[in-house]
Protein backbone atom coordinates (compact mmCIF):
# COMPACT_ATOMS: atom_id res chain seq x y z
CA VAL A 1 0.00 0.00 0.00
CA GLN A 2 1.22 3.50 -0.83
CA LEU A 3 0.34 6.45 1.36
CA GLN A 4 0.22 10.21 0.90
CA ALA A 5 -0.34 12.63 3.76
CA SER A 6 -1.79 16.08 3.26
CA GLY A 7 -3.48 18.92 5.10
CA GLY A 8 -0.60 20.46 6.96
CA GLY A 9 -0.16 24.18 7.27
CA THR A 10 0.34 27.05 9.65
CA VAL A 11 -2.17 27.75 12.38
CA GLN A 12 -2.27 29.87 15.50
CA ALA A 13 -2.18 28.23 18.89
CA GLY A 14 -5.67 27.08 19.79
CA GLY A 15 -6.58 26.52 16.17
CA SER A 16 -7.43 23.36 14.25
CA LEU A 17 -6.21 21.37 11.28
CA ARG A 18 -7.35 18.16 9.67
CA LEU A 19 -4.73 15.93 8.16
CA GLY A 20 -5.58 13.34 5.56
CA CYS A 21 -3.80 10.15 4.56
CA ALA A 22 -4.73 8.79 1.15
CA ALA A 23 -3.93 5.16 0.43
CA SER A 24 -3.67 3.24 -2.79
CA GLY A 25 -4.63 -0.40 -3.16
CA ARG A 26 -7.78 -2.43 -2.83
CA THR A 27 -6.76 -4.06 0.45
CA PHE A 28 -6.52 -0.88 2.50
CA SER A 29 -9.17 -2.12 4.90
CA SER A 30 -6.79 -4.87 6.04
CA TYR A 31 -4.26 -2.34 7.33
CA SER A 32 -4.20 -0.50 10.60
CA VAL A 33 -2.86 3.04 10.25
CA GLY A 34 -0.72 5.11 12.53
CA TRP A 35 0.12 8.78 12.74
CA PHE A 36 3.58 9.84 13.86
CA ARG A 37 5.32 13.19 14.09
CA GLN A 38 8.87 14.41 14.09
CA ALA A 39 10.03 17.81 15.28
CA PRO A 40 13.47 19.19 14.37
CA GLY A 41 16.21 17.49 16.36
CA LYS A 42 13.83 14.96 17.88
CA GLU A 43 12.99 11.36 17.19
CA ARG A 44 9.85 10.37 15.35
CA GLU A 45 7.12 9.78 17.91
CA PHE A 46 3.76 8.05 17.98
CA VAL A 47 0.64 10.20 17.89
CA SER A 48 -2.33 7.97 17.17
CA THR A 49 -3.44 4.75 15.53
CA ILE A 50 -6.66 3.26 14.23
CA SER A 51 -7.61 -0.35 13.59
CA GLN A 52 -8.61 -1.81 10.25
CA SER A 53 -12.34 -1.27 10.83
CA GLY A 54 -11.91 1.98 12.72
CA GLY A 55 -13.45 0.49 15.81
CA THR A 56 -10.35 0.84 17.97
CA THR A 57 -8.15 3.88 18.36
CA ARG A 58 -5.17 4.82 20.51
CA TYR A 59 -3.55 8.16 21.30
CA THR A 60 -0.42 9.36 22.97
CA ASP A 61 -1.25 11.09 26.26
CA SER A 62 -0.31 14.57 25.09
CA VAL A 63 -3.00 14.65 22.39
CA LYS A 64 -5.85 12.84 24.14
CA GLY A 65 -9.00 14.93 24.11
CA ARG A 66 -7.64 17.19 21.37
CA PHE A 67 -6.95 14.88 18.42
CA THR A 68 -9.33 12.43 16.78
CA VAL A 69 -8.38 9.77 14.26
CA SER A 70 -10.95 8.32 11.87
CA ARG A 71 -11.06 6.44 8.61
CA ASP A 72 -13.26 5.94 5.57
CA ASN A 73 -12.35 2.62 3.97
CA ALA A 74 -14.67 3.26 1.03
CA LYS A 75 -12.50 6.25 0.14
CA ASN A 76 -9.18 4.73 1.26
CA MET A 77 -8.69 7.65 3.63
CA VAL A 78 -7.59 8.15 7.21
CA TYR A 79 -7.99 11.49 8.94
CA LEU A 80 -6.43 13.15 11.96
CA GLN A 81 -8.53 16.00 13.31
CA MET A 82 -6.33 18.21 15.47
CA ASN A 83 -7.98 20.76 17.74
CA SER A 84 -6.62 23.15 20.37
CA LEU A 85 -3.22 23.01 18.76
CA LYS A 86 -0.21 23.98 20.81
CA PRO A 87 3.27 25.08 19.75
CA ASP A 88 4.55 21.69 20.97
CA ASP A 89 2.41 20.02 18.30
CA ALA A 90 4.48 21.59 15.53
CA ALA A 91 6.25 18.87 13.53
CA VAL A 92 6.24 16.95 10.30
CA TYR A 93 3.38 14.47 10.52
CA TYR A 94 3.57 11.07 8.85
CA CYS A 95 1.00 8.36 8.28
CA ALA A 96 2.02 4.72 8.18
CA ALA A 97 0.25 1.42 7.61
CA ARG A 98 0.73 -2.13 8.77
CA LYS A 99 -1.11 -5.37 8.21
CA GLY A 100 -2.56 -6.57 11.43
CA PHE A 101 -3.58 -4.85 14.59
CA LEU A 102 -2.46 -1.59 16.15
CA GLY A 103 1.13 -0.57 16.63
CA SER A 104 2.63 2.37 18.47
CA GLN A 105 6.27 1.98 17.52
CA VAL A 106 7.99 3.21 14.39
CA ARG A 107 9.38 -0.29 13.86
CA ASP A 108 5.84 -1.72 13.75
CA TYR A 109 5.19 -0.10 10.37
CA ASP A 110 6.69 -0.86 7.00
CA ASN A 111 4.60 1.42 4.77
CA TRP A 112 5.16 5.14 5.16
CA GLY A 113 3.89 8.21 3.39
CA GLN A 114 5.78 11.43 2.93
CA GLY A 115 5.24 13.89 5.73
CA THR A 116 3.17 17.03 5.93
CA GLN A 117 4.38 20.03 7.89
CA VAL A 118 2.33 21.45 10.75
CA THR A 119 3.41 24.80 12.15
CA VAL A 120 1.76 26.31 15.22
CA SER A 121 2.42 29.95 16.01
CA SER A 122 2.07 31.25 19.55
């Protein structure tokens, strides 16, 4: 499966953005999808993940209550709705896919899209 992330941009603190991850392939519904982010000088970190059906989601503690992950398998899309953005959320955001259930580690995923930049001004 090939992935392409989009929707990044510049927003003021407290604002919102919705990222999208478009996937190719007819078996997308058999993949769980994760969102990761990487700020300059830092390691890539887990943000959120969603199961193949969308029935199970996970979030890193720092985004719980502010971010929501969802998917539309009919459109081969996964979304990350980001609300109440903070300067610490600024990073390049990546989507990744893996066959099987949820993963929260970079090494769990072998299909990665290119990143999309999120900038949050204070």
